Amino acid sequence: MSDVEPWDDDPSVQMMRRIFSLMEKSQRELLGALKISLFDPRLRRARDHACDLFEKTWPLAIQKKVVANESDAALLYRHCLNHALKLSGVKVPNHILPEDDQITKFLRKELV
């Protein structure tokens, strides 16, 4: 039997893998900038919440053309994680996030 799965060549699967990889990289960068240990007990709840927020907002962000590519999707996730961290009691300075007025305005409206 072959080690190659039938979906390995599927472009949509490859795209999702790239997006997840960018999301993980973005998460590591944010947590590194905040100097938060990967074992911080607040992270599990924040990550779960960020994932829920991302899953809720991503399709709408695509529809409204707020997210146009894989990098934008990762940035949307980073903003969702930032929001979830704040709700978990982590102080996140405003300068930590990359400037993106379109995503910021979109989330401000959708997360109300």
PDB file of N, CA and C in Angstrom:
ATOM      1  N   MET A   1       0.839  -1.164   0.000  1.00  0.00           N
ATOM      2  CA  MET A   1       0.000   0.000   0.000  1.00  0.00           C
ATOM      3  C   MET A   1       0.893   1.240   0.000  1.00  0.00           C
ATOM      4  N   SER A   2       0.454   2.263  -0.681  1.00  0.00           N
ATOM      5  CA  SER A   2       1.223   3.489  -0.838  1.00  0.00           C
ATOM      6  C   SER A   2       1.083   4.389   0.388  1.00  0.00           C
ATOM      7  N   ASP A   3       2.162   5.151   0.672  1.00  0.00           N
ATOM      8  CA  ASP A   3       2.121   6.114   1.773  1.00  0.00           C
ATOM      9  C   ASP A   3       1.412   7.402   1.378  1.00  0.00           C
ATOM     10  N   VAL A   4       1.162   7.577   0.096  1.00  0.00           N
ATOM     11  CA  VAL A   4       0.534   8.797  -0.402  1.00  0.00           C
ATOM     12  C   VAL A   4      -0.977   8.677  -0.278  1.00  0.00           C
ATOM     13  N   GLU A   5      -1.551   9.606   0.424  1.00  0.00           N
ATOM     14  CA  GLU A   5      -2.997   9.627   0.583  1.00  0.00           C
ATOM     15  C   GLU A   5      -3.631  10.315  -0.627  1.00  0.00           C
ATOM     16  N   PRO A   6      -4.843   9.943  -0.992  1.00  0.00           N
ATOM     17  CA  PRO A   6      -5.457  10.536  -2.184  1.00  0.00           C
ATOM     18  C   PRO A   6      -5.649  12.054  -2.085  1.00  0.00           C
ATOM     19  N   TRP A   7      -5.780  12.574  -0.883  1.00  0.00           N
ATOM     20  CA  TRP A   7      -6.018  14.008  -0.747  1.00  0.00           C
ATOM     21  C   TRP A   7      -4.727  14.824  -0.681  1.00  0.00           C
ATOM     22  N   ASP A   8      -3.579  14.173  -0.667  1.00  0.00           N
ATOM     23  CA  ASP A   8      -2.310  14.903  -0.610  1.00  0.00           C
ATOM     24  C   ASP A   8      -2.127  15.853  -1.785  1.00  0.00           C
ATOM     25  N   ASP A   9      -2.682  15.519  -2.931  1.00  0.00           N
ATOM     26  CA  ASP A   9      -2.529  16.359  -4.118  1.00  0.00           C
ATOM     27  C   ASP A   9      -3.694  17.334  -4.291  1.00  0.00           C
ATOM     28  N   ASP A  10      -4.654  17.289  -3.413  1.00  0.00           N
ATOM     29  CA  ASP A  10      -5.814  18.176  -3.513  1.00  0.00           C
ATOM     30  C   ASP A  10      -5.384  19.602  -3.173  1.00  0.00           C
ATOM     31  N   PRO A  11      -5.568  20.559  -4.094  1.00  0.00           N
ATOM     32  CA  PRO A  11      -5.145  21.939  -3.843  1.00  0.00           C
ATOM     33  C   PRO A  11      -5.800  22.570  -2.617  1.00  0.00           C
ATOM     34  N   SER A  12      -7.054  22.230  -2.342  1.00  0.00           N
ATOM     35  CA  SER A  12      -7.711  22.826  -1.173  1.00  0.00           C
ATOM     36  C   SER A  12      -7.109  22.288   0.129  1.00  0.00           C
ATOM     37  N   VAL A  13      -6.709  21.031   0.135  1.00  0.00           N
ATOM     38  CA  VAL A  13      -6.058  20.455   1.315  1.00  0.00           C
ATOM     39  C   VAL A  13      -4.691  21.098   1.508  1.00  0.00           C
ATOM     40  N   GLN A  14      -3.954  21.269   0.422  1.00  0.00           N
ATOM     41  CA  GLN A  14      -2.645  21.915   0.503  1.00  0.00           C
ATOM     42  C   GLN A  14      -2.776  23.349   1.016  1.00  0.00           C
ATOM     43  N   MET A  15      -3.803  24.068   0.537  1.00  0.00           N
ATOM     44  CA  MET A  15      -4.034  25.437   0.992  1.00  0.00           C
ATOM     45  C   MET A  15      -4.323  25.467   2.490  1.00  0.00           C
ATOM     46  N   MET A  16      -5.177  24.547   2.973  1.00  0.00           N
ATOM     47  CA  MET A  16      -5.510  24.511   4.399  1.00  0.00           C
ATOM     48  C   MET A  16      -4.278  24.192   5.235  1.00  0.00           C
ATOM     49  N   ARG A  17      -3.436  23.316   4.761  1.00  0.00           N
ATOM     50  CA  ARG A  17      -2.209  23.008   5.487  1.00  0.00           C
ATOM     51  C   ARG A  17      -1.319  24.237   5.588  1.00  0.00           C
ATOM     52  N   ARG A  18      -1.228  25.003   4.498  1.00  0.00           N
ATOM     53  CA  ARG A  18      -0.426  26.237   4.540  1.00  0.00           C
ATOM     54  C   ARG A  18      -1.036  27.241   5.509  1.00  0.00           C
ATOM     55  N   ILE A  19      -2.356  27.356   5.510  1.00  0.00           N
ATOM     56  CA  ILE A  19      -3.028  28.290   6.422  1.00  0.00           C
ATOM     57  C   ILE A  19      -2.776  27.869   7.870  1.00  0.00           C
ATOM     58  N   PHE A  20      -2.933  26.585   8.183  1.00  0.00           N
ATOM     59  CA  PHE A  20      -2.689  26.120   9.554  1.00  0.00           C
ATOM     60  C   PHE A  20      -1.247  26.356   9.967  1.00  0.00           C
ATOM     61  N   SER A  21      -0.331  26.156   9.047  1.00  0.00           N
ATOM     62  CA  SER A  21       1.085  26.409   9.340  1.00  0.00           C
ATOM     63  C   SER A  21       1.323  27.884   9.644  1.00  0.00           C
ATOM     64  N   LEU A  22       0.704  28.763   8.855  1.00  0.00           N
ATOM     65  CA  LEU A  22       0.830  30.202   9.100  1.00  0.00           C
ATOM     66  C   LEU A  22       0.165  30.604  10.410  1.00  0.00           C
ATOM     67  N   MET A  23      -0.948  29.961  10.747  1.00  0.00           N
ATOM     68  CA  MET A  23      -1.623  30.245  12.009  1.00  0.00           C
ATOM     69  C   MET A  23      -0.733  29.856  13.186  1.00  0.00           C
ATOM     70  N   GLU A  24      -0.095  28.690  13.103  1.00  0.00           N
ATOM     71  CA  GLU A  24       0.807  28.252  14.166  1.00  0.00           C
ATOM     72  C   GLU A  24       1.992  29.197  14.305  1.00  0.00           C
ATOM     73  N   LYS A  25       2.537  29.620  13.175  1.00  0.00           N
ATOM     74  CA  LYS A  25       3.669  30.558  13.199  1.00  0.00           C
ATOM     75  C   LYS A  25       3.240  31.877  13.838  1.00  0.00           C
ATOM     76  N   SER A  26       2.074  32.365  13.460  1.00  0.00           N
ATOM     77  CA  SER A  26       1.566  33.616  14.007  1.00  0.00           C
ATOM     78  C   SER A  26       1.341  33.503  15.508  1.00  0.00           C
ATOM     79  N   GLN A  27       0.816  32.358  15.939  1.00  0.00           N
ATOM     80  CA  GLN A  27       0.598  32.131  17.371  1.00  0.00           C
ATOM     81  C   GLN A  27       1.928  32.132  18.121  1.00  0.00           C
ATOM     82  N   ARG A  28       2.928  31.442  17.593  1.00  0.00           N
ATOM     83  CA  ARG A  28       4.243  31.419  18.243  1.00  0.00           C
ATOM     84  C   ARG A  28       4.825  32.825  18.349  1.00  0.00           C
ATOM     85  N   GLU A  29       4.674  33.622  17.279  1.00  0.00           N
ATOM     86  CA  GLU A  29       5.198  34.993  17.291  1.00  0.00           C
ATOM     87  C   GLU A  29       4.491  35.837  18.349  1.00  0.00           C
ATOM     88  N   LEU A  30       3.166  35.720  18.418  1.00  0.00           N
ATOM     89  CA  LEU A  30       2.407  36.505  19.391  1.00  0.00           C
ATOM     90  C   LEU A  30       2.784  36.104  20.814  1.00  0.00           C
ATOM     91  N   LEU A  31       2.807  34.816  21.086  1.00  0.00           N
ATOM     92  CA  LEU A  31       3.146  34.362  22.434  1.00  0.00           C
ATOM     93  C   LEU A  31       4.587  34.699  22.787  1.00  0.00           C
ATOM     94  N   GLY A  32       5.478  34.635  21.809  1.00  0.00           N
ATOM     95  CA  GLY A  32       6.867  35.021  22.036  1.00  0.00           C
ATOM     96  C   GLY A  32       6.982  36.495  22.364  1.00  0.00           C
ATOM     97  N   ALA A  33       6.253  37.332  21.636  1.00  0.00           N
ATOM     98  CA  ALA A  33       6.287  38.772  21.887  1.00  0.00           C
ATOM     99  C   ALA A  33       5.722  39.097  23.272  1.00  0.00           C
ATOM    100  N   LEU A  34       4.752  38.298  23.705  1.00  0.00           N
ATOM    101  CA  LEU A  34       4.142  38.509  25.025  1.00  0.00           C
ATOM    102  C   LEU A  34       4.927  37.816  26.137  1.00  0.00           C
ATOM    103  N   LYS A  35       5.915  37.030  25.749  1.00  0.00           N
ATOM    104  CA  LYS A  35       6.726  36.258  26.704  1.00  0.00           C
ATOM    105  C   LYS A  35       5.850  35.336  27.564  1.00  0.00           C
ATOM    106  N   ILE A  36       4.946  34.647  26.895  1.00  0.00           N
ATOM    107  CA  ILE A  36       4.044  33.710  27.560  1.00  0.00           C
ATOM    108  C   ILE A  36       4.524  32.290  27.288  1.00  0.00           C
ATOM    109  N   SER A  37       4.649  31.516  28.332  1.00  0.00           N
ATOM    110  CA  SER A  37       5.043  30.122  28.213  1.00  0.00           C
ATOM    111  C   SER A  37       3.957  29.330  27.492  1.00  0.00           C
ATOM    112  N   LEU A  38       4.382  28.354  26.712  1.00  0.00           N
ATOM    113  CA  LEU A  38       3.421  27.478  26.043  1.00  0.00           C
ATOM    114  C   LEU A  38       2.634  26.641  27.045  1.00  0.00           C
ATOM    115  N   PHE A  39       3.086  26.631  28.301  1.00  0.00           N
ATOM    116  CA  PHE A  39       2.421  25.857  29.344  1.00  0.00           C
ATOM    117  C   PHE A  39       1.550  26.724  30.256  1.00  0.00           C
ATOM    118  N   ASP A  40       1.402  27.976  29.919  1.00  0.00           N
ATOM    119  CA  ASP A  40       0.559  28.882  30.700  1.00  0.00           C
ATOM    120  C   ASP A  40      -0.869  28.321  30.711  1.00  0.00           C
ATOM    121  N   PRO A  41      -1.458  28.156  31.897  1.00  0.00           N
ATOM    122  CA  PRO A  41      -2.793  27.543  31.988  1.00  0.00           C
ATOM    123  C   PRO A  41      -3.900  28.339  31.287  1.00  0.00           C
ATOM    124  N   ARG A  42      -3.687  29.610  31.039  1.00  0.00           N
ATOM    125  CA  ARG A  42      -4.707  30.420  30.362  1.00  0.00           C
ATOM    126  C   ARG A  42      -4.782  30.124  28.869  1.00  0.00           C
ATOM    127  N   LEU A  43      -3.742  29.490  28.339  1.00  0.00           N
ATOM    128  CA  LEU A  43      -3.665  29.305  26.897  1.00  0.00           C
ATOM    129  C   LEU A  43      -4.704  28.339  26.330  1.00  0.00           C
ATOM    130  N   ARG A  44      -4.989  27.285  27.031  1.00  0.00           N
ATOM    131  CA  ARG A  44      -5.943  26.300  26.481  1.00  0.00           C
ATOM    132  C   ARG A  44      -7.296  26.954  26.206  1.00  0.00           C
ATOM    133  N   ARG A  45      -7.806  27.668  27.189  1.00  0.00           N
ATOM    134  CA  ARG A  45      -9.096  28.330  27.027  1.00  0.00           C
ATOM    135  C   ARG A  45      -9.014  29.401  25.931  1.00  0.00           C
ATOM    136  N   ALA A  46      -7.929  30.163  25.920  1.00  0.00           N
ATOM    137  CA  ALA A  46      -7.768  31.217  24.927  1.00  0.00           C
ATOM    138  C   ALA A  46      -7.661  30.635  23.517  1.00  0.00           C
ATOM    139  N   ARG A  47      -6.907  29.562  23.383  1.00  0.00           N
ATOM    140  CA  ARG A  47      -6.771  28.932  22.052  1.00  0.00           C
ATOM    141  C   ARG A  47      -8.107  28.381  21.574  1.00  0.00           C
ATOM    142  N   ASP A  48      -8.834  27.722  22.468  1.00  0.00           N
ATOM    143  CA  ASP A  48     -10.148  27.186  22.096  1.00  0.00           C
ATOM    144  C   ASP A  48     -11.080  28.300  21.660  1.00  0.00           C
ATOM    145  N   HIS A  49     -11.088  29.375  22.429  1.00  0.00           N
ATOM    146  CA  HIS A  49     -11.949  30.501  22.106  1.00  0.00           C
ATOM    147  C   HIS A  49     -11.516  31.145  20.787  1.00  0.00           C
ATOM    148  N   ALA A  50     -10.221  31.313  20.586  1.00  0.00           N
ATOM    149  CA  ALA A  50      -9.709  31.898  19.348  1.00  0.00           C
ATOM    150  C   ALA A  50     -10.102  31.046  18.146  1.00  0.00           C
ATOM    151  N   CYS A  51     -10.032  29.749  18.300  1.00  0.00           N
ATOM    152  CA  CYS A  51     -10.411  28.841  17.217  1.00  0.00           C
ATOM    153  C   CYS A  51     -11.902  28.988  16.898  1.00  0.00           C
ATOM    154  N   ASP A  52     -12.722  29.053  17.939  1.00  0.00           N
ATOM    155  CA  ASP A  52     -14.164  29.255  17.743  1.00  0.00           C
ATOM    156  C   ASP A  52     -14.437  30.574  17.024  1.00  0.00           C
ATOM    157  N   LEU A  53     -13.760  31.638  17.465  1.00  0.00           N
ATOM    158  CA  LEU A  53     -13.940  32.939  16.827  1.00  0.00           C
ATOM    159  C   LEU A  53     -13.505  32.908  15.369  1.00  0.00           C
ATOM    160  N   PHE A  54     -12.375  32.282  15.115  1.00  0.00           N
ATOM    161  CA  PHE A  54     -11.861  32.192  13.753  1.00  0.00           C
ATOM    162  C   PHE A  54     -12.835  31.426  12.866  1.00  0.00           C
ATOM    163  N   GLU A  55     -13.310  30.280  13.343  1.00  0.00           N
ATOM    164  CA  GLU A  55     -14.249  29.480  12.556  1.00  0.00           C
ATOM    165  C   GLU A  55     -15.546  30.231  12.290  1.00  0.00           C
ATOM    166  N   LYS A  56     -15.946  31.068  13.223  1.00  0.00           N
ATOM    167  CA  LYS A  56     -17.175  31.854  13.065  1.00  0.00           C
ATOM    168  C   LYS A  56     -16.975  33.005  12.072  1.00  0.00           C
ATOM    169  N   THR A  57     -15.836  33.661  12.139  1.00  0.00           N
ATOM    170  CA  THR A  57     -15.640  34.885  11.351  1.00  0.00           C
ATOM    171  C   THR A  57     -14.985  34.667   9.993  1.00  0.00           C
ATOM    172  N   TRP A  58     -14.226  33.599   9.833  1.00  0.00           N
ATOM    173  CA  TRP A  58     -13.477  33.405   8.598  1.00  0.00           C
ATOM    174  C   TRP A  58     -14.360  33.348   7.346  1.00  0.00           C
ATOM    175  N   PRO A  59     -15.444  32.545   7.328  1.00  0.00           N
ATOM    176  CA  PRO A  59     -16.277  32.523   6.118  1.00  0.00           C
ATOM    177  C   PRO A  59     -16.864  33.896   5.784  1.00  0.00           C
ATOM    178  N   LEU A  60     -17.277  34.621   6.801  1.00  0.00           N
ATOM    179  CA  LEU A  60     -17.831  35.953   6.582  1.00  0.00           C
ATOM    180  C   LEU A  60     -16.749  36.926   6.106  1.00  0.00           C
ATOM    181  N   ALA A  61     -15.544  36.778   6.647  1.00  0.00           N
ATOM    182  CA  ALA A  61     -14.431  37.628   6.221  1.00  0.00           C
ATOM    183  C   ALA A  61     -14.082  37.387   4.753  1.00  0.00           C
ATOM    184  N   ILE A  62     -14.169  36.137   4.329  1.00  0.00           N
ATOM    185  CA  ILE A  62     -13.938  35.830   2.914  1.00  0.00           C
ATOM    186  C   ILE A  62     -15.036  36.457   2.063  1.00  0.00           C
ATOM    187  N   GLN A  63     -16.270  36.268   2.504  1.00  0.00           N
ATOM    188  CA  GLN A  63     -17.426  36.797   1.764  1.00  0.00           C
ATOM    189  C   GLN A  63     -17.346  38.314   1.627  1.00  0.00           C
ATOM    190  N   LYS A  64     -16.917  38.991   2.685  1.00  0.00           N
ATOM    191  CA  LYS A  64     -16.839  40.457   2.667  1.00  0.00           C
ATOM    192  C   LYS A  64     -15.509  40.961   2.127  1.00  0.00           C
ATOM    193  N   LYS A  65     -14.680  40.028   1.653  1.00  0.00           N
ATOM    194  CA  LYS A  65     -13.380  40.353   1.054  1.00  0.00           C
ATOM    195  C   LYS A  65     -12.417  41.031   2.020  1.00  0.00           C
ATOM    196  N   VAL A  66     -12.552  40.692   3.301  1.00  0.00           N
ATOM    197  CA  VAL A  66     -11.617  41.158   4.323  1.00  0.00           C
ATOM    198  C   VAL A  66     -10.384  40.250   4.302  1.00  0.00           C
ATOM    199  N   VAL A  67     -10.616  38.981   4.000  1.00  0.00           N
ATOM    200  CA  VAL A  67      -9.551  37.992   3.887  1.00  0.00           C
ATOM    201  C   VAL A  67      -9.496  37.548   2.434  1.00  0.00           C
ATOM    202  N   ALA A  68      -8.314  37.736   1.823  1.00  0.00           N
ATOM    203  CA  ALA A  68      -8.185  37.422   0.405  1.00  0.00           C
ATOM    204  C   ALA A  68      -7.179  36.302   0.132  1.00  0.00           C
ATOM    205  N   ASN A  69      -6.367  35.957   1.132  1.00  0.00           N
ATOM    206  CA  ASN A  69      -5.334  34.946   0.884  1.00  0.00           C
ATOM    207  C   ASN A  69      -4.959  34.255   2.196  1.00  0.00           C
ATOM    208  N   GLU A  70      -3.997  33.367   2.106  1.00  0.00           N
ATOM    209  CA  GLU A  70      -3.582  32.572   3.259  1.00  0.00           C
ATOM    210  C   GLU A  70      -2.987  33.443   4.369  1.00  0.00           C
ATOM    211  N   SER A  71      -2.209  34.430   4.000  1.00  0.00           N
ATOM    212  CA  SER A  71      -1.605  35.321   5.004  1.00  0.00           C
ATOM    213  C   SER A  71      -2.676  36.122   5.740  1.00  0.00           C
ATOM    214  N   ASP A  72      -3.691  36.555   5.005  1.00  0.00           N
ATOM    215  CA  ASP A  72      -4.796  37.284   5.641  1.00  0.00           C
ATOM    216  C   ASP A  72      -5.534  36.384   6.629  1.00  0.00           C
ATOM    217  N   ALA A  73      -5.709  35.118   6.272  1.00  0.00           N
ATOM    218  CA  ALA A  73      -6.392  34.177   7.175  1.00  0.00           C
ATOM    219  C   ALA A  73      -5.592  34.020   8.470  1.00  0.00           C
ATOM    220  N   ALA A  74      -4.274  33.922   8.349  1.00  0.00           N
ATOM    221  CA  ALA A  74      -3.431  33.806   9.544  1.00  0.00           C
ATOM    222  C   ALA A  74      -3.505  35.072  10.389  1.00  0.00           C
ATOM    223  N   LEU A  75      -3.565  36.224   9.736  1.00  0.00           N
ATOM    224  CA  LEU A  75      -3.672  37.487  10.462  1.00  0.00           C
ATOM    225  C   LEU A  75      -5.024  37.578  11.178  1.00  0.00           C
ATOM    226  N   LEU A  76      -6.076  37.126  10.524  1.00  0.00           N
ATOM    227  CA  LEU A  76      -7.390  37.086  11.172  1.00  0.00           C
ATOM    228  C   LEU A  76      -7.332  36.212  12.418  1.00  0.00           C
ATOM    229  N   TYR A  77      -6.690  35.047  12.306  1.00  0.00           N
ATOM    230  CA  TYR A  77      -6.549  34.174  13.476  1.00  0.00           C
ATOM    231  C   TYR A  77      -5.764  34.870  14.583  1.00  0.00           C
ATOM    232  N   ARG A  78      -4.709  35.560  14.210  1.00  0.00           N
ATOM    233  CA  ARG A  78      -3.891  36.243  15.226  1.00  0.00           C
ATOM    234  C   ARG A  78      -4.725  37.283  15.973  1.00  0.00           C
ATOM    235  N   HIS A  79      -5.566  37.989  15.265  1.00  0.00           N
ATOM    236  CA  HIS A  79      -6.450  38.961  15.919  1.00  0.00           C
ATOM    237  C   HIS A  79      -7.464  38.248  16.818  1.00  0.00           C
ATOM    238  N   CYS A  80      -7.971  37.105  16.373  1.00  0.00           N
ATOM    239  CA  CYS A  80      -8.899  36.323  17.206  1.00  0.00           C
ATOM    240  C   CYS A  80      -8.195  35.831  18.471  1.00  0.00           C
ATOM    241  N   LEU A  81      -6.961  35.365  18.320  1.00  0.00           N
ATOM    242  CA  LEU A  81      -6.196  34.909  19.482  1.00  0.00           C
ATOM    243  C   LEU A  81      -5.911  36.072  20.425  1.00  0.00           C
ATOM    244  N   ASN A  82      -5.577  37.206  19.876  1.00  0.00           N
ATOM    245  CA  ASN A  82      -5.352  38.405  20.688  1.00  0.00           C
ATOM    246  C   ASN A  82      -6.593  38.721  21.522  1.00  0.00           C
ATOM    247  N   HIS A  83      -7.746  38.704  20.890  1.00  0.00           N
ATOM    248  CA  HIS A  83      -9.008  38.980  21.580  1.00  0.00           C
ATOM    249  C   HIS A  83      -9.249  37.943  22.686  1.00  0.00           C
ATOM    250  N   ALA A  84      -9.036  36.671  22.363  1.00  0.00           N
ATOM    251  CA  ALA A  84      -9.258  35.602  23.336  1.00  0.00           C
ATOM    252  C   ALA A  84      -8.280  35.698  24.504  1.00  0.00           C
ATOM    253  N   LEU A  85      -7.041  36.063  24.227  1.00  0.00           N
ATOM    254  CA  LEU A  85      -6.061  36.232  25.307  1.00  0.00           C
ATOM    255  C   LEU A  85      -6.487  37.348  26.259  1.00  0.00           C
ATOM    256  N   LYS A  86      -6.963  38.448  25.696  1.00  0.00           N
ATOM    257  CA  LYS A  86      -7.424  39.556  26.542  1.00  0.00           C
ATOM    258  C   LYS A  86      -8.575  39.104  27.439  1.00  0.00           C
ATOM    259  N   LEU A  87      -9.499  38.322  26.866  1.00  0.00           N
ATOM    260  CA  LEU A  87     -10.622  37.822  27.662  1.00  0.00           C
ATOM    261  C   LEU A  87     -10.165  36.846  28.743  1.00  0.00           C
ATOM    262  N   SER A  88      -9.003  36.229  28.545  1.00  0.00           N
ATOM    263  CA  SER A  88      -8.446  35.288  29.527  1.00  0.00           C
ATOM    264  C   SER A  88      -7.566  35.969  30.556  1.00  0.00           C
ATOM    265  N   GLY A  89      -7.502  37.291  30.499  1.00  0.00           N
ATOM    266  CA  GLY A  89      -6.744  38.027  31.499  1.00  0.00           C
ATOM    267  C   GLY A  89      -5.308  38.348  31.125  1.00  0.00           C
ATOM    268  N   VAL A  90      -4.926  38.107  29.877  1.00  0.00           N
ATOM    269  CA  VAL A  90      -3.572  38.424  29.427  1.00  0.00           C
ATOM    270  C   VAL A  90      -3.566  39.857  28.907  1.00  0.00           C
ATOM    271  N   LYS A  91      -2.629  40.650  29.388  1.00  0.00           N
ATOM    272  CA  LYS A  91      -2.509  42.026  28.909  1.00  0.00           C
ATOM    273  C   LYS A  91      -1.717  42.018  27.608  1.00  0.00           C
ATOM    274  N   VAL A  92      -2.374  42.453  26.542  1.00  0.00           N
ATOM    275  CA  VAL A  92      -1.755  42.477  25.222  1.00  0.00           C
ATOM    276  C   VAL A  92      -1.630  43.933  24.774  1.00  0.00           C
ATOM    277  N   PRO A  93      -0.413  44.449  24.735  1.00  0.00           N
ATOM    278  CA  PRO A  93      -0.233  45.835  24.271  1.00  0.00           C
ATOM    279  C   PRO A  93      -0.674  45.977  22.814  1.00  0.00           C
ATOM    280  N   ASN A  94      -1.245  47.120  22.488  1.00  0.00           N
ATOM    281  CA  ASN A  94      -1.746  47.362  21.130  1.00  0.00           C
ATOM    282  C   ASN A  94      -0.673  47.244  20.064  1.00  0.00           C
ATOM    283  N   HIS A  95       0.558  47.585  20.397  1.00  0.00           N
ATOM    284  CA  HIS A  95       1.612  47.567  19.379  1.00  0.00           C
ATOM    285  C   HIS A  95       2.064  46.152  18.998  1.00  0.00           C
ATOM    286  N   ILE A  96       1.590  45.136  19.702  1.00  0.00           N
ATOM    287  CA  ILE A  96       1.979  43.747  19.423  1.00  0.00           C
ATOM    288  C   ILE A  96       1.399  43.257  18.097  1.00  0.00           C
ATOM    289  N   LEU A  97       0.192  43.681  17.780  1.00  0.00           N
ATOM    290  CA  LEU A  97      -0.461  43.212  16.551  1.00  0.00           C
ATOM    291  C   LEU A  97      -0.058  44.050  15.349  1.00  0.00           C
ATOM    292  N   PRO A  98       0.082  43.399  14.190  1.00  0.00           N
ATOM    293  CA  PRO A  98       0.336  44.165  12.972  1.00  0.00           C
ATOM    294  C   PRO A  98      -0.873  45.049  12.659  1.00  0.00           C
ATOM    295  N   GLU A  99      -0.611  46.216  12.121  1.00  0.00           N
ATOM    296  CA  GLU A  99      -1.700  47.119  11.748  1.00  0.00           C
ATOM    297  C   GLU A  99      -2.488  46.527  10.589  1.00  0.00           C
ATOM    298  N   ASP A 100      -3.759  46.402  10.737  1.00  0.00           N
ATOM    299  CA  ASP A 100      -4.641  45.988   9.663  1.00  0.00           C
ATOM    300  C   ASP A 100      -6.026  46.526   9.980  1.00  0.00           C
ATOM    301  N   ASP A 101      -6.272  47.740   9.502  1.00  0.00           N
ATOM    302  CA  ASP A 101      -7.531  48.412   9.816  1.00  0.00           C
ATOM    303  C   ASP A 101      -8.744  47.633   9.340  1.00  0.00           C
ATOM    304  N   GLN A 102      -8.625  46.982   8.189  1.00  0.00           N
ATOM    305  CA  GLN A 102      -9.774  46.265   7.646  1.00  0.00           C
ATOM    306  C   GLN A 102     -10.181  45.106   8.557  1.00  0.00           C
ATOM    307  N   ILE A 103      -9.218  44.303   9.002  1.00  0.00           N
ATOM    308  CA  ILE A 103      -9.529  43.177   9.898  1.00  0.00           C
ATOM    309  C   ILE A 103      -9.978  43.696  11.259  1.00  0.00           C
ATOM    310  N   THR A 104      -9.319  44.725  11.756  1.00  0.00           N
ATOM    311  CA  THR A 104      -9.682  45.287  13.058  1.00  0.00           C
ATOM    312  C   THR A 104     -11.126  45.797  13.046  1.00  0.00           C
ATOM    313  N   LYS A 105     -11.496  46.557  12.031  1.00  0.00           N
ATOM    314  CA  LYS A 105     -12.870  47.076  11.930  1.00  0.00           C
ATOM    315  C   LYS A 105     -13.869  45.943  11.777  1.00  0.00           C
ATOM    316  N   PHE A 106     -13.525  44.963  10.948  1.00  0.00           N
ATOM    317  CA  PHE A 106     -14.404  43.819  10.729  1.00  0.00           C
ATOM    318  C   PHE A 106     -14.669  43.085  12.036  1.00  0.00           C
ATOM    319  N   LEU A 107     -13.612  42.771  12.784  1.00  0.00           N
ATOM    320  CA  LEU A 107     -13.786  42.038  14.039  1.00  0.00           C
ATOM    321  C   LEU A 107     -14.499  42.871  15.091  1.00  0.00           C
ATOM    322  N   ARG A 108     -14.209  44.149  15.132  1.00  0.00           N
ATOM    323  CA  ARG A 108     -14.902  45.011  16.095  1.00  0.00           C
ATOM    324  C   ARG A 108     -16.412  44.925  15.880  1.00  0.00           C
ATOM    325  N   LYS A 109     -16.822  44.894  14.616  1.00  0.00           N
ATOM    326  CA  LYS A 109     -18.239  44.826  14.295  1.00  0.00           C
ATOM    327  C   LYS A 109     -18.805  43.424  14.567  1.00  0.00           C
ATOM    328  N   GLU A 110     -18.062  42.375  14.213  1.00  0.00           N
ATOM    329  CA  GLU A 110     -18.560  41.008  14.322  1.00  0.00           C
ATOM    330  C   GLU A 110     -18.484  40.429  15.725  1.00  0.00           C
ATOM    331  N   LEU A 111     -17.600  40.921  16.553  1.00  0.00           N
ATOM    332  CA  LEU A 111     -17.435  40.359  17.894  1.00  0.00           C
ATOM    333  C   LEU A 111     -18.281  41.062  18.944  1.00  0.00           C
ATOM    334  N   VAL A 112     -19.095  41.955  18.533  1.00  0.00           N
ATOM    335  CA  VAL A 112     -19.979  42.670  19.475  1.00  0.00           C
ATOM    336  C   VAL A 112     -21.161  41.815  19.831  1.00  0.00           C
TER     337      VAL A 112
END
